[in-house]
N, C-alpha and C. Protein backbone atom coordinates (compact mmCIF):
# COMPACT_ATOMS: atom_id res chain seq x y z
N UNK A 1 17.21 3.28 -3.28
CA UNK A 1 17.33 4.66 -2.86
C UNK A 1 18.73 4.86 -2.31
N UNK A 2 19.35 5.93 -2.75
CA UNK A 2 20.66 6.25 -2.20
C UNK A 2 20.51 6.85 -0.81
N UNK A 3 21.36 6.46 0.09
CA UNK A 3 21.29 6.91 1.47
C UNK A 3 21.29 8.44 1.55
N UNK A 4 20.34 8.94 2.33
CA UNK A 4 20.25 10.38 2.53
C UNK A 4 19.68 11.15 1.36
N UNK A 5 19.18 10.45 0.35
CA UNK A 5 18.63 11.11 -0.84
C UNK A 5 17.22 10.59 -1.13
N UNK A 6 16.23 11.09 -0.39
CA UNK A 6 14.86 10.65 -0.64
C UNK A 6 14.48 10.86 -2.10
N UNK A 7 13.69 9.95 -2.63
CA UNK A 7 13.20 9.99 -4.01
C UNK A 7 14.30 9.81 -5.06
N UNK A 8 15.49 9.35 -4.65
CA UNK A 8 16.55 9.13 -5.65
C UNK A 8 16.20 7.98 -6.60
N UNK A 9 15.18 7.21 -6.25
CA UNK A 9 14.74 6.11 -7.10
C UNK A 9 13.61 6.54 -8.06
N UNK A 10 13.13 7.76 -7.92
CA UNK A 10 11.99 8.22 -8.72
C UNK A 10 12.38 8.43 -10.19
N UNK A 11 11.41 8.18 -11.07
CA UNK A 11 11.62 8.42 -12.49
C UNK A 11 12.52 7.42 -13.18
N UNK A 12 12.67 6.24 -12.62
CA UNK A 12 13.54 5.23 -13.19
C UNK A 12 12.77 4.09 -13.85
N UNK A 13 11.46 4.25 -13.99
CA UNK A 13 10.66 3.24 -14.67
C UNK A 13 9.82 2.37 -13.77
N UNK A 14 10.12 2.33 -12.49
CA UNK A 14 9.36 1.46 -11.60
C UNK A 14 7.91 1.91 -11.50
N UNK A 15 7.65 3.21 -11.71
CA UNK A 15 6.29 3.72 -11.59
C UNK A 15 5.36 3.08 -12.63
N UNK A 16 5.83 2.91 -13.84
CA UNK A 16 5.02 2.27 -14.89
C UNK A 16 4.71 0.83 -14.53
N UNK A 17 5.72 0.14 -14.03
CA UNK A 17 5.53 -1.25 -13.61
C UNK A 17 4.51 -1.33 -12.47
N UNK A 18 4.69 -0.48 -11.47
CA UNK A 18 3.80 -0.47 -10.31
C UNK A 18 2.36 -0.17 -10.75
N UNK A 19 2.20 0.82 -11.61
CA UNK A 19 0.86 1.15 -12.09
C UNK A 19 0.22 -0.02 -12.82
N UNK A 20 0.97 -0.72 -13.65
CA UNK A 20 0.45 -1.87 -14.39
C UNK A 20 0.02 -2.98 -13.43
N UNK A 21 0.81 -3.22 -12.40
CA UNK A 21 0.46 -4.25 -11.41
C UNK A 21 -0.82 -3.87 -10.67
N UNK A 22 -0.90 -2.61 -10.25
CA UNK A 22 -2.10 -2.17 -9.54
C UNK A 22 -3.33 -2.29 -10.43
N UNK A 23 -3.21 -1.88 -11.69
CA UNK A 23 -4.34 -1.96 -12.61
C UNK A 23 -4.84 -3.40 -12.75
N UNK A 24 -3.94 -4.36 -12.77
CA UNK A 24 -4.34 -5.77 -12.84
C UNK A 24 -4.97 -6.23 -11.53
N UNK A 25 -4.36 -5.85 -10.42
CA UNK A 25 -4.86 -6.30 -9.12
C UNK A 25 -6.26 -5.80 -8.83
N UNK A 26 -6.55 -4.56 -9.19
CA UNK A 26 -7.88 -4.01 -8.86
C UNK A 26 -8.99 -4.64 -9.69
N UNK A 27 -8.64 -5.37 -10.74
CA UNK A 27 -9.64 -6.08 -11.53
C UNK A 27 -10.16 -7.32 -10.82
N UNK A 28 -9.45 -7.77 -9.82
CA UNK A 28 -9.85 -8.98 -9.09
C UNK A 28 -11.21 -8.81 -8.42
N UNK A 29 -11.96 -9.89 -8.38
CA UNK A 29 -13.22 -9.86 -7.65
C UNK A 29 -13.00 -10.15 -6.18
N UNK A 30 -11.92 -10.84 -5.87
CA UNK A 30 -11.56 -11.11 -4.48
C UNK A 30 -10.91 -9.85 -3.91
N UNK A 31 -11.42 -9.31 -2.79
CA UNK A 31 -10.88 -8.06 -2.28
C UNK A 31 -9.43 -8.18 -1.80
N UNK A 32 -8.73 -7.07 -1.90
CA UNK A 32 -7.34 -6.98 -1.46
C UNK A 32 -7.19 -5.88 -0.42
N UNK A 33 -6.11 -5.97 0.32
CA UNK A 33 -5.75 -4.92 1.27
C UNK A 33 -4.49 -4.26 0.73
N UNK A 34 -4.58 -2.98 0.43
CA UNK A 34 -3.42 -2.22 -0.03
C UNK A 34 -2.86 -1.43 1.15
N UNK A 35 -1.56 -1.54 1.38
CA UNK A 35 -0.88 -0.75 2.40
C UNK A 35 -0.01 0.26 1.67
N UNK A 36 -0.41 1.50 1.73
CA UNK A 36 0.29 2.55 1.01
C UNK A 36 1.05 3.41 2.01
N UNK A 37 2.36 3.25 1.99
CA UNK A 37 3.22 3.93 2.96
C UNK A 37 4.01 5.03 2.26
N UNK A 38 3.76 6.26 2.64
CA UNK A 38 4.46 7.39 2.06
C UNK A 38 3.65 8.08 1.00
N UNK A 39 4.03 9.32 0.71
CA UNK A 39 3.27 10.15 -0.23
C UNK A 39 3.22 9.55 -1.63
N UNK A 40 4.35 9.03 -2.11
CA UNK A 40 4.35 8.46 -3.47
C UNK A 40 3.39 7.28 -3.58
N UNK A 41 3.39 6.43 -2.58
CA UNK A 41 2.47 5.28 -2.59
C UNK A 41 1.02 5.75 -2.49
N UNK A 42 0.78 6.74 -1.67
CA UNK A 42 -0.58 7.21 -1.47
C UNK A 42 -1.15 7.88 -2.71
N UNK A 43 -0.31 8.30 -3.61
CA UNK A 43 -0.79 8.85 -4.88
C UNK A 43 -1.42 7.77 -5.76
N UNK A 44 -1.26 6.52 -5.39
CA UNK A 44 -1.85 5.41 -6.13
C UNK A 44 -3.31 5.16 -5.75
N UNK A 45 -3.83 5.86 -4.75
CA UNK A 45 -5.21 5.66 -4.32
C UNK A 45 -6.17 5.84 -5.50
N UNK A 46 -6.00 6.89 -6.27
CA UNK A 46 -6.90 7.14 -7.40
C UNK A 46 -6.86 5.99 -8.39
N UNK A 47 -5.69 5.42 -8.61
CA UNK A 47 -5.55 4.30 -9.53
C UNK A 47 -6.28 3.06 -8.99
N UNK A 48 -6.22 2.87 -7.69
CA UNK A 48 -6.90 1.73 -7.06
C UNK A 48 -8.41 1.90 -7.15
N UNK A 49 -8.89 3.10 -6.93
CA UNK A 49 -10.33 3.35 -6.93
C UNK A 49 -10.92 3.44 -8.34
N UNK A 50 -10.08 3.73 -9.32
CA UNK A 50 -10.54 4.02 -10.69
C UNK A 50 -11.35 2.88 -11.31
N UNK A 51 -10.80 1.70 -11.42
CA UNK A 51 -11.45 0.60 -12.14
C UNK A 51 -11.69 -0.63 -11.26
N UNK A 52 -11.84 -0.40 -10.00
CA UNK A 52 -12.00 -1.55 -9.11
C UNK A 52 -13.30 -2.27 -9.37
N UNK A 53 -13.26 -3.58 -9.16
CA UNK A 53 -14.44 -4.41 -9.34
C UNK A 53 -15.00 -4.87 -7.99
N UNK A 54 -14.29 -4.55 -6.92
CA UNK A 54 -14.73 -4.97 -5.60
C UNK A 54 -14.29 -3.92 -4.58
N UNK A 55 -14.70 -4.10 -3.35
CA UNK A 55 -14.39 -3.15 -2.30
C UNK A 55 -13.05 -3.49 -1.65
N UNK A 56 -11.98 -3.08 -2.28
CA UNK A 56 -10.66 -3.27 -1.70
C UNK A 56 -10.50 -2.34 -0.50
N UNK A 57 -9.60 -2.69 0.40
CA UNK A 57 -9.31 -1.86 1.56
C UNK A 57 -7.98 -1.17 1.34
N UNK A 58 -7.92 0.11 1.66
CA UNK A 58 -6.69 0.89 1.50
C UNK A 58 -6.30 1.44 2.86
N UNK A 59 -5.11 1.04 3.32
CA UNK A 59 -4.55 1.55 4.57
C UNK A 59 -3.39 2.48 4.21
N UNK A 60 -3.35 3.67 4.80
CA UNK A 60 -2.28 4.61 4.49
C UNK A 60 -1.56 5.03 5.76
N UNK A 61 -0.28 5.33 5.60
CA UNK A 61 0.55 5.80 6.71
C UNK A 61 1.78 6.49 6.12
N UNK A 62 2.50 7.26 6.95
CA UNK A 62 3.76 7.82 6.48
C UNK A 62 4.74 6.70 6.12
N UNK A 63 5.74 7.04 5.34
CA UNK A 63 6.75 6.07 4.92
C UNK A 63 7.53 5.57 6.14
N UNK A 64 7.91 4.30 6.16
CA UNK A 64 8.63 3.75 7.32
C UNK A 64 10.13 4.09 7.35
N UNK A 65 10.58 5.01 6.52
CA UNK A 65 12.00 5.36 6.52
C UNK A 65 12.36 6.09 7.82
N UNK A 66 13.64 6.11 8.16
CA UNK A 66 14.06 6.82 9.38
C UNK A 66 13.69 8.30 9.36
N UNK A 67 13.48 8.87 8.19
CA UNK A 67 13.14 10.29 8.09
C UNK A 67 11.70 10.58 8.50
N UNK A 68 10.82 9.58 8.38
CA UNK A 68 9.40 9.87 8.64
C UNK A 68 8.67 8.83 9.46
N UNK A 69 9.32 7.77 9.85
CA UNK A 69 8.63 6.68 10.56
C UNK A 69 7.95 7.16 11.84
N UNK A 70 8.55 8.14 12.50
CA UNK A 70 7.99 8.63 13.76
C UNK A 70 6.85 9.63 13.56
N UNK A 71 6.49 9.90 12.31
CA UNK A 71 5.39 10.82 12.03
C UNK A 71 4.08 10.06 11.83
N UNK A 72 4.03 8.82 12.25
CA UNK A 72 2.79 8.08 12.18
C UNK A 72 2.89 6.66 11.68
N UNK A 73 4.05 6.27 11.12
CA UNK A 73 4.15 4.88 10.69
C UNK A 73 4.17 3.97 11.91
N UNK A 74 5.03 4.30 12.88
CA UNK A 74 5.04 3.50 14.11
C UNK A 74 3.71 3.71 14.80
N UNK A 75 3.04 2.64 15.07
CA UNK A 75 1.75 2.72 15.73
C UNK A 75 0.56 2.67 14.78
N UNK A 76 0.79 2.65 13.48
CA UNK A 76 -0.34 2.60 12.54
C UNK A 76 -1.04 1.24 12.59
N UNK A 77 -0.34 0.22 13.06
CA UNK A 77 -0.89 -1.12 13.27
C UNK A 77 -1.47 -1.74 12.00
N UNK A 78 -0.83 -1.46 10.86
CA UNK A 78 -1.33 -2.01 9.60
C UNK A 78 -1.33 -3.52 9.57
N UNK A 79 -0.34 -4.14 10.18
CA UNK A 79 -0.28 -5.60 10.12
C UNK A 79 -1.42 -6.23 10.93
N UNK A 80 -1.68 -5.72 12.11
CA UNK A 80 -2.79 -6.27 12.90
C UNK A 80 -4.13 -5.90 12.27
N UNK A 81 -4.24 -4.69 11.70
CA UNK A 81 -5.47 -4.30 11.02
C UNK A 81 -5.73 -5.21 9.82
N UNK A 82 -4.68 -5.50 9.07
CA UNK A 82 -4.83 -6.38 7.90
C UNK A 82 -5.33 -7.75 8.35
N UNK A 83 -4.77 -8.26 9.43
CA UNK A 83 -5.21 -9.57 9.92
C UNK A 83 -6.66 -9.53 10.39
N UNK A 84 -7.06 -8.45 11.03
CA UNK A 84 -8.46 -8.32 11.45
C UNK A 84 -9.39 -8.32 10.24
N UNK A 85 -8.99 -7.63 9.21
CA UNK A 85 -9.80 -7.57 7.99
C UNK A 85 -9.87 -8.95 7.34
N UNK A 86 -8.72 -9.62 7.25
CA UNK A 86 -8.70 -10.95 6.65
C UNK A 86 -9.61 -11.90 7.42
N UNK A 87 -9.54 -11.86 8.73
CA UNK A 87 -10.40 -12.73 9.54
C UNK A 87 -11.87 -12.38 9.33
N UNK A 88 -12.19 -11.10 9.21
CA UNK A 88 -13.58 -10.69 8.96
C UNK A 88 -14.06 -11.21 7.60
N UNK A 89 -13.14 -11.36 6.68
CA UNK A 89 -13.45 -11.89 5.35
C UNK A 89 -13.46 -13.43 5.35
N UNK A 90 -13.19 -14.05 6.50
CA UNK A 90 -13.16 -15.51 6.58
C UNK A 90 -11.88 -16.11 6.03
N UNK A 91 -10.80 -15.33 6.00
CA UNK A 91 -9.52 -15.79 5.48
C UNK A 91 -8.51 -15.96 6.61
N UNK A 92 -7.47 -16.69 6.32
CA UNK A 92 -6.40 -16.91 7.29
C UNK A 92 -5.60 -15.62 7.49
N UNK A 93 -5.32 -15.27 8.74
CA UNK A 93 -4.45 -14.12 8.99
C UNK A 93 -3.02 -14.46 8.56
N UNK A 94 -2.23 -13.45 8.34
CA UNK A 94 -0.83 -13.62 7.94
C UNK A 94 0.04 -13.66 9.18
N UNK A 95 0.97 -14.56 9.22
CA UNK A 95 1.94 -14.61 10.31
C UNK A 95 3.10 -13.69 9.93
N UNK A 96 2.99 -12.44 10.30
CA UNK A 96 3.97 -11.44 9.94
C UNK A 96 5.28 -11.72 10.65
């Protein structure tokens, strides 16, 4: 992203790649935790829910950029929430 130009990275092909990765990940039987930060990422919710084979967890928050981090990203506690979920699933928490 070019400084001061939100979405300057949009429409450059990464969306197709990201969609393909998500489509593969949601096929897993082992649940995943998706952290979707920002409006563009949150538009992937439908893709995650579309063909899922298990109950994945989706955490959403504003984008962590300086333009929006104070609108809810700070304090969303996604890292601690992810670790709580992992522990509830009997998995090792991540050392962030």
